[in-house]
PDB file of N, CA and C in Angstrom:
ATOM      1  N   MET A   1      22.892 -23.875 -14.829  1.00  0.00           N
ATOM      2  CA  MET A   1      24.153 -24.871 -15.012  1.00  0.00           C
ATOM      3  C   MET A   1      25.232 -25.069 -13.696  1.00  0.00           C
ATOM      4  N   LYS A   2      25.996 -25.956 -13.189  1.00  0.00           N
ATOM      5  CA  LYS A   2      26.058 -27.091 -11.879  1.00  0.00           C
ATOM      6  C   LYS A   2      27.094 -26.670 -11.665  1.00  0.00           C
ATOM      7  N   PRO A   3      27.345 -26.561 -10.703  1.00  0.00           N
ATOM      8  CA  PRO A   3      28.196 -26.056  -9.263  1.00  0.00           C
ATOM      9  C   PRO A   3      29.897 -26.715  -9.204  1.00  0.00           C
ATOM     10  N   LEU A   4      30.819 -25.755  -8.919  1.00  0.00           N
ATOM     11  CA  LEU A   4      31.581 -25.894  -9.673  1.00  0.00           C
ATOM     12  C   LEU A   4      32.222 -27.510  -9.243  1.00  0.00           C
ATOM     13  N   GLN A   5      33.055 -28.548  -9.119  1.00  0.00           N
ATOM     14  CA  GLN A   5      33.467 -29.183  -9.085  1.00  0.00           C
ATOM     15  C   GLN A   5      33.733 -29.168  -8.048  1.00  0.00           C
ATOM     16  N   LEU A   6      34.733 -28.638  -7.505  1.00  0.00           N
ATOM     17  CA  LEU A   6      35.315 -28.631  -6.566  1.00  0.00           C
ATOM     18  C   LEU A   6      35.601 -29.285  -4.947  1.00  0.00           C
ATOM     19  N   SER A   7      37.041 -29.727  -4.606  1.00  0.00           N
ATOM     20  CA  SER A   7      36.447 -30.575  -2.523  1.00  0.00           C
ATOM     21  C   SER A   7      36.432 -29.900  -1.860  1.00  0.00           C
ATOM     22  N   PRO A   8      35.842 -29.790  -1.162  1.00  0.00           N
ATOM     23  CA  PRO A   8      35.956 -29.245   0.339  1.00  0.00           C
ATOM     24  C   PRO A   8      36.827 -28.761   0.388  1.00  0.00           C
ATOM     25  N   GLU A   9      38.247 -29.371   0.526  1.00  0.00           N
ATOM     26  CA  GLU A   9      39.199 -28.005   1.508  1.00  0.00           C
ATOM     27  C   GLU A   9      39.841 -27.309  -0.296  1.00  0.00           C
ATOM     28  N   THR A  10      39.987 -27.132  -1.307  1.00  0.00           N
ATOM     29  CA  THR A  10      39.474 -26.680  -2.335  1.00  0.00           C
ATOM     30  C   THR A  10      38.919 -25.647  -2.070  1.00  0.00           C
ATOM     31  N   ALA A  11      37.637 -26.045  -2.031  1.00  0.00           N
ATOM     32  CA  ALA A  11      36.253 -25.249  -2.025  1.00  0.00           C
ATOM     33  C   ALA A  11      37.066 -23.598  -1.048  1.00  0.00           C
ATOM     34  N   VAL A  12      37.430 -24.244   0.238  1.00  0.00           N
ATOM     35  CA  VAL A  12      37.310 -23.389   1.540  1.00  0.00           C
ATOM     36  C   VAL A  12      38.947 -22.663   1.383  1.00  0.00           C
ATOM     37  N   LYS A  13      39.708 -22.574   0.974  1.00  0.00           N
ATOM     38  CA  LYS A  13      41.218 -22.356  -0.259  1.00  0.00           C
ATOM     39  C   LYS A  13      40.890 -21.322  -0.478  1.00  0.00           C
ATOM     40  N   LEU A  14      40.255 -21.675  -1.904  1.00  0.00           N
ATOM     41  CA  LEU A  14      39.934 -20.377  -2.816  1.00  0.00           C
ATOM     42  C   LEU A  14      39.216 -19.181  -1.667  1.00  0.00           C
ATOM     43  N   ALA A  15      37.784 -19.609  -1.120  1.00  0.00           N
ATOM     44  CA  ALA A  15      37.355 -18.557  -0.940  1.00  0.00           C
ATOM     45  C   ALA A  15      38.168 -17.621   0.226  1.00  0.00           C
ATOM     46  N   GLU A  16      39.182 -18.083   0.600  1.00  0.00           N
ATOM     47  CA  GLU A  16      39.887 -17.381   2.121  1.00  0.00           C
ATOM     48  C   GLU A  16      40.973 -16.740   0.872  1.00  0.00           C
ATOM     49  N   LYS A  17      41.377 -17.313   0.040  1.00  0.00           N
ATOM     50  CA  LYS A  17      42.073 -16.603  -0.984  1.00  0.00           C
ATOM     51  C   LYS A  17      41.516 -15.215  -2.108  1.00  0.00           C
ATOM     52  N   LEU A  18      40.026 -15.264  -2.193  1.00  0.00           N
ATOM     53  CA  LEU A  18      39.627 -14.528  -2.984  1.00  0.00           C
ATOM     54  C   LEU A  18      38.742 -14.166  -2.267  1.00  0.00           C
ATOM     55  N   ASN A  19      38.543 -14.232  -0.757  1.00  0.00           N
ATOM     56  CA  ASN A  19      38.124 -12.854  -0.125  1.00  0.00           C
ATOM     57  C   ASN A  19      36.732 -13.131   0.150  1.00  0.00           C
ATOM     58  N   ILE A  20      35.971 -13.937   0.118  1.00  0.00           N
ATOM     59  CA  ILE A  20      34.406 -14.306  -0.746  1.00  0.00           C
ATOM     60  C   ILE A  20      33.908 -15.072   0.395  1.00  0.00           C
ATOM     61  N   PRO A  21      32.935 -15.813   0.529  1.00  0.00           N
ATOM     62  CA  PRO A  21      32.619 -16.214   1.297  1.00  0.00           C
ATOM     63  C   PRO A  21      31.805 -17.544   0.334  1.00  0.00           C
ATOM     64  N   ILE A  22      31.722 -18.986   0.689  1.00  0.00           N
ATOM     65  CA  ILE A  22      32.247 -20.263   0.444  1.00  0.00           C
ATOM     66  C   ILE A  22      30.725 -20.221  -0.537  1.00  0.00           C
ATOM     67  N   GLU A  23      29.686 -19.665  -0.140  1.00  0.00           N
ATOM     68  CA  GLU A  23      28.143 -20.163  -0.608  1.00  0.00           C
ATOM     69  C   GLU A  23      28.431 -19.606  -2.364  1.00  0.00           C
ATOM     70  N   GLN A  24      29.185 -17.823  -1.890  1.00  0.00           N
ATOM     71  CA  GLN A  24      29.054 -16.955  -3.026  1.00  0.00           C
ATOM     72  C   GLN A  24      30.328 -17.816  -4.072  1.00  0.00           C
ATOM     73  N   LEU A  25      31.748 -18.261  -3.702  1.00  0.00           N
ATOM     74  CA  LEU A  25      32.483 -19.391  -4.659  1.00  0.00           C
ATOM     75  C   LEU A  25      31.461 -20.520  -5.475  1.00  0.00           C
ATOM     76  N   MET A  26      31.080 -21.369  -4.606  1.00  0.00           N
ATOM     77  CA  MET A  26      29.999 -22.261  -5.189  1.00  0.00           C
ATOM     78  C   MET A  26      28.895 -22.183  -6.296  1.00  0.00           C
ATOM     79  N   HIS A  27      28.144 -21.002  -6.352  1.00  0.00           N
ATOM     80  CA  HIS A  27      27.944 -20.253  -7.017  1.00  0.00           C
ATOM     81  C   HIS A  27      28.095 -19.230  -7.776  1.00  0.00           C
ATOM     82  N   MET A  28      29.358 -19.154  -8.205  1.00  0.00           N
ATOM     83  CA  MET A  28      30.246 -18.070  -9.147  1.00  0.00           C
ATOM     84  C   MET A  28      30.585 -18.622 -10.100  1.00  0.00           C
ATOM     85  N   PRO A  29      30.237 -18.767 -11.727  1.00  0.00           N
ATOM     86  CA  PRO A  29      30.291 -19.248 -13.025  1.00  0.00           C
ATOM     87  C   PRO A  29      31.869 -19.786 -13.076  1.00  0.00           C
ATOM     88  N   GLN A  30      31.812 -20.448 -13.569  1.00  0.00           N
ATOM     89  CA  GLN A  30      33.207 -20.666 -13.165  1.00  0.00           C
ATOM     90  C   GLN A  30      34.629 -20.027 -14.236  1.00  0.00           C
ATOM     91  N   HIS A  31      34.014 -19.046 -15.593  1.00  0.00           N
ATOM     92  CA  HIS A  31      34.543 -18.693 -15.754  1.00  0.00           C
ATOM     93  C   HIS A  31      35.192 -16.968 -15.308  1.00  0.00           C
ATOM     94  N   ILE A  32      33.908 -16.363 -14.550  1.00  0.00           N
ATOM     95  CA  ILE A  32      34.266 -15.579 -13.275  1.00  0.00           C
ATOM     96  C   ILE A  32      35.393 -15.545 -12.270  1.00  0.00           C
ATOM     97  N   LEU A  33      35.102 -17.407 -11.737  1.00  0.00           N
ATOM     98  CA  LEU A  33      36.819 -17.694 -10.304  1.00  0.00           C
ATOM     99  C   LEU A  33      38.196 -17.914 -11.117  1.00  0.00           C
ATOM    100  N   ILE A  34      37.773 -18.874 -13.013  1.00  0.00           N
ATOM    101  CA  ILE A  34      39.320 -18.735 -12.885  1.00  0.00           C
ATOM    102  C   ILE A  34      39.577 -16.807 -13.485  1.00  0.00           C
ATOM    103  N   GLN A  35      39.156 -16.679 -13.956  1.00  0.00           N
ATOM    104  CA  GLN A  35      39.620 -14.722 -14.545  1.00  0.00           C
ATOM    105  C   GLN A  35      40.243 -14.505 -13.189  1.00  0.00           C
ATOM    106  N   LYS A  36      38.931 -14.341 -11.588  1.00  0.00           N
ATOM    107  CA  LYS A  36      38.914 -13.865 -10.196  1.00  0.00           C
ATOM    108  C   LYS A  36      40.740 -14.792  -9.922  1.00  0.00           C
ATOM    109  N   LEU A  37      41.230 -16.032 -10.204  1.00  0.00           N
ATOM    110  CA  LEU A  37      42.113 -16.567  -9.991  1.00  0.00           C
ATOM    111  C   LEU A  37      43.648 -16.486 -11.032  1.00  0.00           C
ATOM    112  N   MET A  38      43.012 -15.842 -12.271  1.00  0.00           N
ATOM    113  CA  MET A  38      44.240 -14.752 -12.758  1.00  0.00           C
ATOM    114  C   MET A  38      44.391 -13.724 -12.021  1.00  0.00           C
ATOM    115  N   GLU A  39      44.032 -13.010 -11.561  1.00  0.00           N
ATOM    116  CA  GLU A  39      43.816 -11.531 -11.281  1.00  0.00           C
ATOM    117  C   GLU A  39      45.288 -11.269 -10.080  1.00  0.00           C
ATOM    118  N   LEU A  40      44.192 -12.740  -9.027  1.00  0.00           N
ATOM    119  CA  LEU A  40      45.024 -12.704  -8.235  1.00  0.00           C
ATOM    120  C   LEU A  40      46.962 -13.327  -8.498  1.00  0.00           C
ATOM    121  N   GLU A  41      47.153 -14.105  -9.346  1.00  0.00           N
ATOM    122  CA  GLU A  41      48.761 -14.774  -9.888  1.00  0.00           C
ATOM    123  C   GLU A  41      49.018 -13.013 -10.333  1.00  0.00           C
ATOM    124  N   LYS A  42      48.525 -12.184 -11.457  1.00  0.00           N
ATOM    125  CA  LYS A  42      49.009 -11.118 -11.823  1.00  0.00           C
ATOM    126  C   LYS A  42      49.528 -10.554 -10.833  1.00  0.00           C
ATOM    127  N   ASN A  43      48.696 -10.184  -9.459  1.00  0.00           N
ATOM    128  CA  ASN A  43      49.089  -9.589  -8.599  1.00  0.00           C
ATOM    129  C   ASN A  43      50.401  -9.811  -7.813  1.00  0.00           C
ATOM    130  N   LYS A  44      50.751 -10.798  -7.834  1.00  0.00           N
ATOM    131  CA  LYS A  44      51.558 -11.583  -6.566  1.00  0.00           C
ATOM    132  C   LYS A  44      53.117 -10.430  -6.596  1.00  0.00           C
TER     133      LYS A  44
END
């Protein structure tokens, strides 16, 4: 599985939003990341 194709700025913002370390974000499978982002949007 290849790492997520994110710009550094995007990665930092996502890590802050999801409240996880950036290393963890970069190793997270894409479908799980998308799922977490959907949950964030729902909770707004």
